[in-house]
Amino acid sequence: MNTEHTEIVVIGAGPGGYAAAFYAADKGKRVTLVERGPRLGGVCLNVGCIPSKALLHAAKLIVEAKESGNRGIHFAAPVIDLDEMRAWKESIVEKLAKGVADLAARRKVDVVYGKAYFEDGKTLRVETGDGQRYLSYEKAIIAVGSKPAMPSAFDLGNPRIMTSTEALDIEQVPAKLLIVGGGYIGMELGTVYATLGSAVVVVEALGEVLAGADQDLVRPVLRRARESFKEIRTGVKVLKMATAGKQIRVDLEMNGAKSEELYDGVLVSVGRAPNCSDLGLENTSVKRTDRGFISVNHRQETDDPHIMAIGDAVGGLMLAHKATKEARIAVEVITGESSSFEHIIIPAVVFTDPEIAWCGLTEDEARAQGRNVTVVKFPWSASGRALSFDRTDGLTKLVVDPETERILGAGIVGAGAGELIGEAVVAIEMGATARDMAESVHPHPTLSETLAECAEAFYGYATHTIRRP
């Protein structure tokens, strides 16, 4: 057995994996990056974040063209060519994947395409198309990501039952589409398919959709979704599915009453599971949780002294930018720097219409912790910029410590909320006060002013709103 040696081997080339490999290479380390798929970028780039946002943009154009009639601009009904749309989406993914591959080559990162398997805590076997390669290493970083969860009761092998991966291929637009799960993936893809012409029904087992998000922010999303979706139901259990000719028969239960319904397609969006099986982790000292995630400490270290793990594989917030931050922490720990995943503000964005974005403490979290906070809100109905493009359904919200005046959390719902939340992340990371934000001059007319006016509202003098007595 011929064993090659590398300083750092990274398993998985998603936004966490390739960020770790590139950062380590920039620090002078010899790095090998192992990717099981045919190209770099992981789920996020290939079958997740990027293609879904491309399709959401396409849907946005359709909606804007329709709503432009209110402005005296009238378009004919759109003609949708799914083949062309799919090719456009794929061209974006391909361009980005090639860019990542080029960056790897320029950094002299050794990229190996194949399936990784731990022989022991210091040896990795990679099954490639050209045979097996054995790698010894000083440190390994596991960044294998996650996959859509598919309960066995729904896994019929029928292409009409999709996960997000298949749904992003948009092979067809089902006349009647059931989405099982009202989380961010279900609501985002529901937006796409409803705009393309599906009668979308969302069923959620919990009592609310987008659970975990501030309900002040969710309400505008629900109002708009109910206009484009056929129905949104909560407190619904999906018992089983079966093939019924060219449709899917779905058995449901709500408030104790059972029913059967037929759909042309079903999107199962009930969470994600880590890709940690069949890695040979049993041959190492790495430990996993009951849910299959790899256990790590705040330095991204596993129970095996030679192996670290990041991203979806370790659970928590399953977000690409969280994985990228953990990648940097892991590399800094390896190179002897003082770094840890503690007190780090990770923003979350839901790319529905309107978008939702938040960071830091939510109002509910602050109340649950028994913290004394002041919550201030600024409605976008008072924003000239929002009014100029007919999207006054937004809201900006700050959670402030009344004693120190420090901003503890922020939430935004509205067009482009994901682009606005960055200012709040910086403010909270730097320990900024509401006065810092209020006295920073924001350009007019922009939506960023809503953050400044929200901060002003904490002191009772926001220009475009009246303080309640």
Protein backbone atom coordinates (compact mmCIF):
# COMPACT_ATOMS: atom_id res chain seq x y z
CA MET A 1 0.00 0.00 0.00
CA ASN A 2 1.52 3.30 -1.16
CA THR A 3 0.60 6.07 1.27
CA GLU A 4 0.95 9.73 0.38
CA HIS A 5 1.42 12.32 3.11
CA THR A 6 -0.24 15.70 3.41
CA GLU A 7 -0.33 18.18 6.26
CA ILE A 8 -4.07 18.83 6.16
CA VAL A 9 -6.75 16.81 4.41
CA VAL A 10 -10.20 18.33 4.07
CA ILE A 11 -13.10 15.98 3.32
CA GLY A 12 -15.90 17.73 1.47
CA ALA A 13 -15.60 20.73 -0.86
CA GLY A 14 -18.64 22.77 0.10
CA PRO A 15 -18.50 26.33 1.45
CA GLY A 16 -16.95 25.06 4.67
CA GLY A 17 -14.57 22.56 3.11
CA TYR A 18 -13.10 24.64 0.32
CA ALA A 19 -12.89 27.68 2.64
CA ALA A 20 -10.84 25.57 5.07
CA ALA A 21 -8.61 24.22 2.31
CA PHE A 22 -7.98 27.64 0.81
CA TYR A 23 -7.32 29.31 4.17
CA ALA A 24 -4.89 26.58 5.18
CA ALA A 25 -3.11 26.87 1.84
CA ASP A 26 -2.88 30.65 2.27
CA LYS A 27 -1.18 29.97 5.58
CA GLY A 28 1.45 27.86 3.86
CA LYS A 29 0.11 24.40 4.59
CA ARG A 30 0.18 21.49 2.15
CA VAL A 31 -3.49 20.68 1.63
CA THR A 32 -5.46 17.89 0.01
CA LEU A 33 -9.16 18.47 -0.67
CA VAL A 34 -11.33 15.38 -1.18
CA GLU A 35 -14.71 15.73 -2.87
CA ARG A 36 -17.12 12.88 -3.54
CA GLY A 37 -19.16 14.74 -6.17
CA PRO A 38 -18.17 15.55 -9.74
CA ARG A 39 -17.36 19.20 -9.00
CA LEU A 40 -16.46 21.49 -6.14
CA GLY A 41 -18.89 23.69 -4.25
CA GLY A 42 -20.92 21.16 -2.29
CA VAL A 43 -24.67 21.19 -1.82
CA CYS A 44 -24.85 24.97 -1.43
CA LEU A 45 -23.36 25.80 -4.80
CA ASN A 46 -24.63 22.83 -6.80
CA VAL A 47 -28.06 21.88 -5.45
CA GLY A 48 -28.88 24.39 -2.75
CA CYS A 49 -28.24 28.07 -2.06
CA ILE A 50 -27.15 29.23 -5.49
CA PRO A 51 -29.61 27.46 -7.82
CA SER A 52 -32.53 28.14 -5.49
CA LYS A 53 -31.74 31.86 -5.39
CA ALA A 54 -31.44 31.91 -9.18
CA LEU A 55 -34.93 30.42 -9.49
CA LEU A 56 -36.29 32.78 -6.85
CA HIS A 57 -34.95 35.68 -8.91
CA ALA A 58 -36.69 34.32 -12.00
CA ALA A 59 -39.92 34.07 -10.00
CA LYS A 60 -39.45 37.63 -8.76
CA LEU A 61 -39.25 38.91 -12.34
CA ILE A 62 -42.54 37.20 -13.20
CA VAL A 63 -44.26 38.72 -10.16
CA GLU A 64 -42.83 42.19 -10.81
CA ALA A 65 -43.95 42.10 -14.44
CA LYS A 66 -47.46 41.24 -13.31
CA GLU A 67 -47.54 43.89 -10.59
CA SER A 68 -46.16 46.57 -12.93
CA GLY A 69 -49.68 46.99 -14.24
CA ASN A 70 -50.30 49.03 -11.08
CA ARG A 71 -47.68 51.48 -12.38
CA GLY A 72 -49.17 51.77 -15.83
CA ILE A 73 -46.67 49.35 -17.37
CA HIS A 74 -48.37 46.35 -18.93
CA PHE A 75 -46.68 43.16 -20.09
CA ALA A 76 -48.10 40.16 -21.88
CA ALA A 77 -48.36 36.93 -19.90
CA PRO A 78 -44.89 35.32 -19.65
CA VAL A 79 -43.94 32.33 -21.76
CA ILE A 80 -41.89 30.00 -19.59
CA ASP A 81 -39.41 27.62 -21.19
CA LEU A 82 -38.26 25.23 -18.48
CA ASP A 83 -35.38 23.89 -20.57
CA GLU A 84 -33.98 27.38 -21.07
CA MET A 85 -34.54 28.27 -17.42
CA ARG A 86 -32.76 25.12 -16.30
CA ALA A 87 -29.86 25.79 -18.67
CA TRP A 88 -29.55 29.36 -17.37
CA LYS A 89 -29.56 28.17 -13.77
CA GLU A 90 -26.99 25.47 -14.56
CA SER A 91 -24.72 27.98 -16.31
CA ILE A 92 -24.51 29.97 -13.07
CA VAL A 93 -23.64 26.89 -11.06
CA GLU A 94 -21.07 25.74 -13.61
CA LYS A 95 -19.38 29.14 -13.72
CA LEU A 96 -19.08 29.30 -9.93
CA ALA A 97 -17.86 25.70 -9.66
CA LYS A 98 -15.16 26.37 -12.25
CA GLY A 99 -14.17 29.46 -10.32
CA VAL A 100 -13.71 27.44 -7.13
CA ALA A 101 -11.69 24.81 -9.00
CA ASP A 102 -9.47 27.54 -10.46
CA LEU A 103 -8.88 29.04 -7.02
CA ALA A 104 -7.89 25.60 -5.72
CA ALA A 105 -5.40 25.12 -8.55
CA ARG A 106 -3.87 28.56 -8.09
CA ARG A 107 -3.38 27.82 -4.41
CA LYS A 108 -1.80 24.46 -5.29
CA VAL A 109 -4.43 22.57 -3.32
CA ASP A 110 -4.39 18.90 -4.36
CA VAL A 111 -7.98 18.08 -5.29
CA VAL A 112 -8.98 14.42 -5.23
CA TYR A 113 -12.39 13.34 -6.49
CA GLY A 114 -13.62 10.23 -4.74
CA LYS A 115 -15.22 8.68 -1.69
CA ALA A 116 -13.30 9.14 1.57
CA TYR A 117 -13.07 6.47 4.25
CA PHE A 118 -11.06 6.57 7.48
CA GLU A 119 -8.82 3.51 7.88
CA ASP A 120 -7.83 4.86 11.28
CA GLY A 121 -7.37 8.21 12.99
CA LYS A 122 -4.39 9.14 10.82
CA THR A 123 -5.07 7.42 7.50
CA LEU A 124 -7.68 8.15 4.86
CA ARG A 125 -8.55 5.91 1.93
CA VAL A 126 -10.05 7.58 -1.12
CA GLU A 127 -11.84 5.50 -3.72
CA THR A 128 -11.35 7.36 -7.00
CA GLY A 129 -12.23 6.53 -10.57
CA ASP A 130 -8.61 5.48 -11.06
CA GLY A 131 -8.39 3.25 -8.01
CA GLN A 132 -7.66 3.74 -4.34
CA ARG A 133 -5.41 6.38 -2.83
CA TYR A 134 -4.17 6.33 0.75
CA LEU A 135 -3.41 9.56 2.55
CA SER A 136 -1.70 10.07 5.89
CA TYR A 137 -2.12 13.47 7.47
CA GLU A 138 -1.36 15.59 10.49
CA LYS A 139 -4.90 16.94 10.72
CA ALA A 140 -8.15 16.11 8.97
CA ILE A 141 -11.15 18.46 8.71
CA ILE A 142 -14.48 16.75 8.07
CA ALA A 143 -16.81 19.01 6.07
CA VAL A 144 -19.12 16.50 4.43
CA GLY A 145 -22.30 18.56 4.77
CA SER A 146 -25.84 17.21 4.83
CA LYS A 147 -28.60 15.85 2.62
CA PRO A 148 -32.38 16.28 2.55
CA ALA A 149 -34.13 14.01 5.02
CA MET A 150 -36.57 11.57 3.46
CA PRO A 151 -38.69 9.55 5.91
CA SER A 152 -38.99 5.91 4.86
CA ALA A 153 -42.79 6.18 4.75
CA PHE A 154 -42.46 8.72 1.92
CA ASP A 155 -39.59 7.10 0.03
CA LEU A 156 -41.50 5.25 -2.69
CA GLY A 157 -38.91 5.60 -5.42
CA ASN A 158 -41.46 7.66 -7.34
CA PRO A 159 -39.98 10.72 -9.15
CA ARG A 160 -43.16 12.65 -8.34
CA ILE A 161 -42.00 12.66 -4.70
CA MET A 162 -39.10 15.10 -4.56
CA THR A 163 -36.57 16.51 -2.14
CA SER A 164 -35.15 19.97 -2.67
CA THR A 165 -32.45 18.45 -4.89
CA GLU A 166 -34.92 17.15 -7.46
CA ALA A 167 -37.22 20.17 -7.10
CA LEU A 168 -34.39 22.46 -8.20
CA ASP A 169 -34.17 20.56 -11.50
CA ILE A 170 -37.66 21.91 -12.40
CA GLU A 171 -38.27 19.06 -14.81
CA GLN A 172 -41.95 19.92 -14.75
CA VAL A 173 -44.41 22.17 -12.94
CA PRO A 174 -47.01 19.98 -11.19
CA ALA A 175 -50.57 21.26 -11.46
CA LYS A 176 -51.12 20.39 -7.78
CA LEU A 177 -48.04 20.40 -5.56
CA LEU A 178 -47.98 19.39 -1.91
CA ILE A 179 -45.08 20.66 0.18
CA VAL A 180 -44.51 18.70 3.38
CA GLY A 181 -42.77 21.04 5.79
CA GLY A 182 -43.18 24.78 6.23
CA GLY A 183 -39.55 25.59 6.95
CA TYR A 184 -37.42 27.93 4.89
CA ILE A 185 -36.75 25.43 2.09
CA GLY A 186 -40.41 24.54 1.71
CA MET A 187 -41.51 28.17 1.71
CA GLU A 188 -38.79 29.28 -0.71
CA LEU A 189 -39.43 26.52 -3.25
CA GLY A 190 -43.16 26.95 -2.76
CA THR A 191 -42.69 30.54 -3.91
CA VAL A 192 -40.91 29.36 -7.06
CA TYR A 193 -43.45 26.70 -8.03
CA ALA A 194 -46.48 28.84 -7.19
CA THR A 195 -45.13 31.59 -9.44
CA LEU A 196 -44.50 29.07 -12.23
CA GLY A 197 -48.11 27.93 -12.04
CA SER A 198 -48.50 25.17 -9.43
CA ALA A 199 -51.40 25.17 -7.01
CA VAL A 200 -49.24 24.88 -3.90
CA VAL A 201 -50.46 23.42 -0.62
CA VAL A 202 -48.08 23.60 2.34
CA VAL A 203 -48.64 21.36 5.35
CA GLU A 204 -46.64 21.78 8.55
CA ALA A 205 -46.78 19.49 11.58
CA LEU A 206 -46.03 22.31 14.01
CA GLY A 207 -48.43 25.09 14.90
CA GLU A 208 -46.66 27.65 12.71
CA VAL A 209 -44.58 27.85 9.55
CA LEU A 210 -40.99 29.14 9.69
CA ALA A 211 -40.81 28.03 13.31
CA GLY A 212 -37.98 29.71 15.19
CA ALA A 213 -38.26 32.95 13.27
CA ASP A 214 -39.75 36.02 14.91
CA GLN A 215 -43.46 35.93 14.20
CA ASP A 216 -43.53 39.71 13.68
CA LEU A 217 -41.29 39.02 10.69
CA VAL A 218 -43.19 35.94 9.54
CA ARG A 219 -46.60 37.64 9.31
CA PRO A 220 -45.90 39.67 6.14
CA VAL A 221 -44.49 36.52 4.49
CA LEU A 222 -47.63 34.58 5.36
CA ARG A 223 -49.91 37.31 4.05
CA ARG A 224 -48.17 37.33 0.69
CA ALA A 225 -47.81 33.54 0.53
CA ARG A 226 -51.53 33.07 1.09
CA GLU A 227 -52.12 35.21 -1.99
CA SER A 228 -49.93 33.01 -4.21
CA PHE A 229 -50.26 29.58 -2.56
CA LYS A 230 -53.51 27.65 -2.67
CA GLU A 231 -53.37 26.83 1.02
CA ILE A 232 -51.10 26.78 4.09
CA ARG A 233 -52.10 24.41 6.86
CA THR A 234 -50.44 23.95 10.26
CA GLY A 235 -50.86 21.17 12.80
CA VAL A 236 -51.06 18.59 10.02
CA LYS A 237 -49.44 15.15 10.10
CA VAL A 238 -48.63 13.32 6.89
CA LEU A 239 -49.20 9.64 7.67
CA LYS A 240 -48.20 7.95 4.42
CA MET A 241 -48.05 8.23 0.66
CA ALA A 242 -48.80 5.87 -2.18
CA THR A 243 -48.64 5.93 -5.96
CA ALA A 244 -52.05 6.38 -7.54
CA GLY A 245 -51.62 6.24 -11.30
CA LYS A 246 -49.96 9.48 -12.37
CA GLN A 247 -50.60 11.06 -8.97
CA ILE A 248 -49.57 10.61 -5.35
CA ARG A 249 -52.19 9.71 -2.76
CA VAL A 250 -51.39 11.34 0.57
CA ASP A 251 -52.96 10.35 3.89
CA LEU A 252 -53.22 13.31 6.26
CA GLU A 253 -54.38 13.87 9.81
CA MET A 254 -55.48 17.21 11.26
CA ASN A 255 -57.18 17.69 14.63
CA GLY A 256 -57.78 13.95 14.81
CA ALA A 257 -59.57 13.84 11.46
CA LYS A 258 -57.98 11.79 8.69
CA SER A 259 -58.27 12.45 4.97
CA GLU A 260 -56.89 11.36 1.60
CA GLU A 261 -55.80 13.80 -1.08
CA LEU A 262 -54.31 13.45 -4.56
CA TYR A 263 -51.39 15.52 -5.84
CA ASP A 264 -49.41 15.66 -9.06
CA GLY A 265 -46.20 16.17 -7.13
CA VAL A 266 -44.94 16.19 -3.55
CA LEU A 267 -41.93 18.05 -2.18
CA VAL A 268 -40.69 16.59 1.10
CA SER A 269 -38.95 19.32 3.05
CA VAL A 270 -38.71 18.09 6.63
CA GLY A 271 -35.11 18.90 7.48
CA ARG A 272 -31.63 17.68 6.65
CA ALA A 273 -29.47 14.79 7.83
CA PRO A 274 -25.65 14.82 8.13
CA ASN A 275 -23.56 12.90 5.58
CA CYS A 276 -21.59 11.21 8.34
CA SER A 277 -22.42 7.57 7.66
CA ASP A 278 -20.05 5.27 5.77
CA LEU A 279 -17.03 7.46 6.49
CA GLY A 280 -15.24 4.89 8.63
CA LEU A 281 -15.63 7.07 11.72
CA GLU A 282 -15.93 3.89 13.79
CA ASN A 283 -12.23 3.36 13.05
CA THR A 284 -11.40 6.64 14.76
CA SER A 285 -12.12 8.16 18.17
CA VAL A 286 -14.70 10.54 16.69
CA LYS A 287 -18.02 10.50 18.55
CA ARG A 288 -21.46 11.26 17.13
CA THR A 289 -24.68 12.47 18.71
CA ASP A 290 -27.93 10.49 18.80
CA ARG A 291 -28.97 12.34 15.64
CA GLY A 292 -25.80 11.38 13.81
CA PHE A 293 -23.94 14.70 13.98
CA ILE A 294 -20.25 14.76 14.86
CA SER A 295 -19.52 16.01 18.39
CA VAL A 296 -17.07 18.92 18.54
CA ASN A 297 -15.97 21.47 21.09
CA HIS A 298 -15.88 25.24 20.55
CA ARG A 299 -12.54 24.85 18.74
CA GLN A 300 -14.10 22.45 16.17
CA GLU A 301 -12.09 19.57 17.65
CA THR A 302 -13.58 16.06 17.80
CA ASP A 303 -12.71 13.39 20.34
CA ASP A 304 -9.97 12.24 18.00
CA PRO A 305 -6.89 14.47 18.40
CA HIS A 306 -6.13 14.32 14.67
CA ILE A 307 -9.63 15.09 13.35
CA MET A 308 -11.76 18.23 13.33
CA ALA A 309 -15.23 18.81 11.91
CA ILE A 310 -17.24 21.79 10.67
CA GLY A 311 -20.48 22.80 8.99
CA ASP A 312 -23.66 20.77 8.68
CA ALA A 313 -21.79 17.65 9.83
CA VAL A 314 -21.66 19.08 13.37
CA GLY A 315 -25.25 20.33 13.45
CA GLY A 316 -26.48 23.59 14.91
CA LEU A 317 -27.41 26.26 12.38
CA MET A 318 -27.05 24.52 9.04
CA LEU A 319 -25.98 27.57 7.08
CA ALA A 320 -23.18 27.99 4.55
CA HIS A 321 -21.73 31.09 6.19
CA LYS A 322 -21.64 29.37 9.57
CA ALA A 323 -19.61 26.55 7.97
CA THR A 324 -17.23 29.10 6.44
CA LYS A 325 -16.66 30.73 9.83
CA GLU A 326 -16.05 27.35 11.46
CA ALA A 327 -13.58 26.56 8.67
CA ARG A 328 -11.47 29.55 9.61
CA ILE A 329 -11.64 28.67 13.29
CA ALA A 330 -10.50 25.09 12.60
CA VAL A 331 -7.55 26.24 10.51
CA GLU A 332 -6.54 28.87 13.06
CA VAL A 333 -6.60 26.25 15.82
CA ILE A 334 -4.45 23.95 13.68
CA THR A 335 -1.93 26.74 13.08
CA GLY A 336 -1.68 27.55 16.77
CA GLU A 337 -3.81 30.64 16.95
CA SER A 338 -6.31 31.40 19.69
CA SER A 339 -9.69 30.93 18.04
CA SER A 340 -13.05 29.52 19.06
CA PHE A 341 -16.69 29.46 18.02
CA GLU A 342 -17.99 31.45 20.97
CA HIS A 343 -20.15 34.60 21.06
CA ILE A 344 -20.25 34.75 17.28
CA ILE A 345 -23.20 36.42 15.57
CA ILE A 346 -24.52 34.25 12.75
CA PRO A 347 -27.22 35.90 10.64
CA ALA A 348 -30.06 33.90 9.13
CA VAL A 349 -31.90 34.77 5.92
CA VAL A 350 -35.05 33.23 4.47
CA PHE A 351 -35.37 34.13 0.78
CA THR A 352 -39.13 34.13 0.65
CA ASP A 353 -41.12 37.05 -0.73
CA PRO A 354 -40.63 39.23 1.24
CA GLU A 355 -37.28 38.10 2.65
CA ILE A 356 -36.70 37.59 6.37
CA ALA A 357 -33.35 38.21 8.03
CA TRP A 358 -32.28 38.29 11.64
CA CYS A 359 -29.22 38.13 13.89
CA GLY A 360 -28.42 38.16 17.58
CA LEU A 361 -31.20 37.70 20.12
CA THR A 362 -34.78 37.55 18.94
CA GLU A 363 -37.47 39.08 21.11
CA ASP A 364 -38.74 35.63 22.10
CA GLU A 365 -35.24 34.44 23.02
CA ALA A 366 -34.63 37.51 25.15
CA ARG A 367 -37.93 37.03 26.97
CA ALA A 368 -37.21 33.31 27.49
CA GLN A 369 -33.89 34.22 29.09
CA GLY A 370 -35.66 36.64 31.41
CA ARG A 371 -33.71 39.57 30.01
CA ASN A 372 -35.01 43.09 30.34
CA VAL A 373 -35.06 44.44 26.79
CA THR A 374 -36.68 47.23 24.84
CA VAL A 375 -38.08 46.30 21.45
CA VAL A 376 -38.43 49.00 18.81
CA LYS A 377 -39.96 48.68 15.36
CA PHE A 378 -40.03 50.78 12.21
CA PRO A 379 -42.73 49.97 9.63
CA TRP A 380 -41.72 50.22 6.01
CA SER A 381 -45.00 51.97 5.28
CA ALA A 382 -43.10 55.03 6.56
CA SER A 383 -40.19 54.46 4.15
CA GLY A 384 -40.19 56.55 0.99
CA ARG A 385 -37.87 54.05 -0.69
CA ALA A 386 -40.19 51.14 0.07
CA LEU A 387 -43.16 53.13 -1.21
CA SER A 388 -41.31 53.94 -4.44
CA PHE A 389 -41.32 50.29 -5.48
CA ASP A 390 -44.63 49.28 -3.87
CA ARG A 391 -43.20 47.11 -1.09
CA THR A 392 -44.32 48.72 2.13
CA ASP A 393 -45.04 45.33 3.71
CA GLY A 394 -41.68 45.34 5.50
CA LEU A 395 -40.64 45.91 9.08
CA THR A 396 -37.33 46.60 10.82
CA LYS A 397 -36.97 45.60 14.44
CA LEU A 398 -34.27 46.03 17.08
CA VAL A 399 -33.87 44.38 20.48
CA VAL A 400 -31.98 46.77 22.76
CA ASP A 401 -30.64 46.56 26.32
CA PRO A 402 -32.31 49.57 28.00
CA GLU A 403 -29.48 50.06 30.50
CA THR A 404 -26.42 49.84 28.25
CA GLU A 405 -28.33 50.81 25.08
CA ARG A 406 -26.42 48.05 23.27
CA ILE A 407 -28.13 46.41 20.31
CA LEU A 408 -28.66 42.75 21.20
CA GLY A 409 -30.63 41.61 18.16
CA ALA A 410 -32.13 42.74 14.90
CA GLY A 411 -34.79 41.44 12.56
CA ILE A 412 -35.89 42.63 9.16
CA VAL A 413 -38.69 41.50 6.86
CA GLY A 414 -39.00 43.08 3.46
CA ALA A 415 -37.57 43.24 -0.04
CA GLY A 416 -33.80 42.72 0.15
CA ALA A 417 -33.74 42.08 3.90
CA GLY A 418 -30.83 39.69 3.45
CA GLU A 419 -28.70 42.51 2.01
CA LEU A 420 -29.56 44.82 4.92
CA ILE A 421 -28.86 42.54 7.87
CA GLY A 422 -25.08 42.84 7.53
CA GLU A 423 -25.09 46.29 9.16
CA ALA A 424 -26.82 44.86 12.21
CA VAL A 425 -24.34 41.96 12.39
CA VAL A 426 -21.42 44.40 12.49
CA ALA A 427 -23.21 46.54 15.08
CA ILE A 428 -23.84 43.63 17.43
CA GLU A 429 -20.34 42.16 16.95
CA MET A 430 -18.79 45.53 17.80
CA GLY A 431 -21.02 46.14 20.80
CA ALA A 432 -22.61 49.18 19.16
CA THR A 433 -25.39 51.07 20.87
CA ALA A 434 -28.64 52.23 19.38
CA ARG A 435 -27.18 55.75 19.45
CA ASP A 436 -24.22 54.59 17.35
CA MET A 437 -26.63 53.36 14.70
CA ALA A 438 -28.98 56.32 14.98
CA GLU A 439 -26.21 58.90 14.64
CA SER A 440 -24.52 57.18 11.69
CA VAL A 441 -25.73 59.02 8.58
CA HIS A 442 -27.58 56.70 6.22
CA PRO A 443 -28.14 57.62 2.56
CA HIS A 444 -31.57 58.77 1.44
CA PRO A 445 -33.72 57.37 0.00
CA THR A 446 -32.68 53.83 0.94
CA LEU A 447 -34.04 50.96 2.96
CA SER A 448 -30.94 51.18 5.18
CA GLU A 449 -32.57 54.26 6.72
CA THR A 450 -35.09 51.95 8.37
CA LEU A 451 -32.30 50.69 10.64
CA ALA A 452 -31.31 54.22 11.62
CA GLU A 453 -34.91 55.30 12.24
CA CYS A 454 -35.57 52.14 14.21
CA ALA A 455 -32.60 53.04 16.42
CA GLU A 456 -33.92 56.60 16.72
CA ALA A 457 -37.26 55.18 17.83
CA PHE A 458 -35.49 53.74 20.88
CA TYR A 459 -34.93 57.35 21.98
CA GLY A 460 -38.40 58.44 20.94
CA TYR A 461 -37.60 60.76 18.06
CA ALA A 462 -37.72 58.80 14.78
CA THR A 463 -38.46 61.36 12.08
CA HIS A 464 -41.02 59.40 10.09
CA THR A 465 -42.99 57.76 12.89
CA ILE A 466 -44.92 59.12 15.86
CA ARG A 467 -44.00 57.93 19.31
CA ARG A 468 -46.90 56.19 21.01
CA PRO A 469 -48.01 57.92 24.21
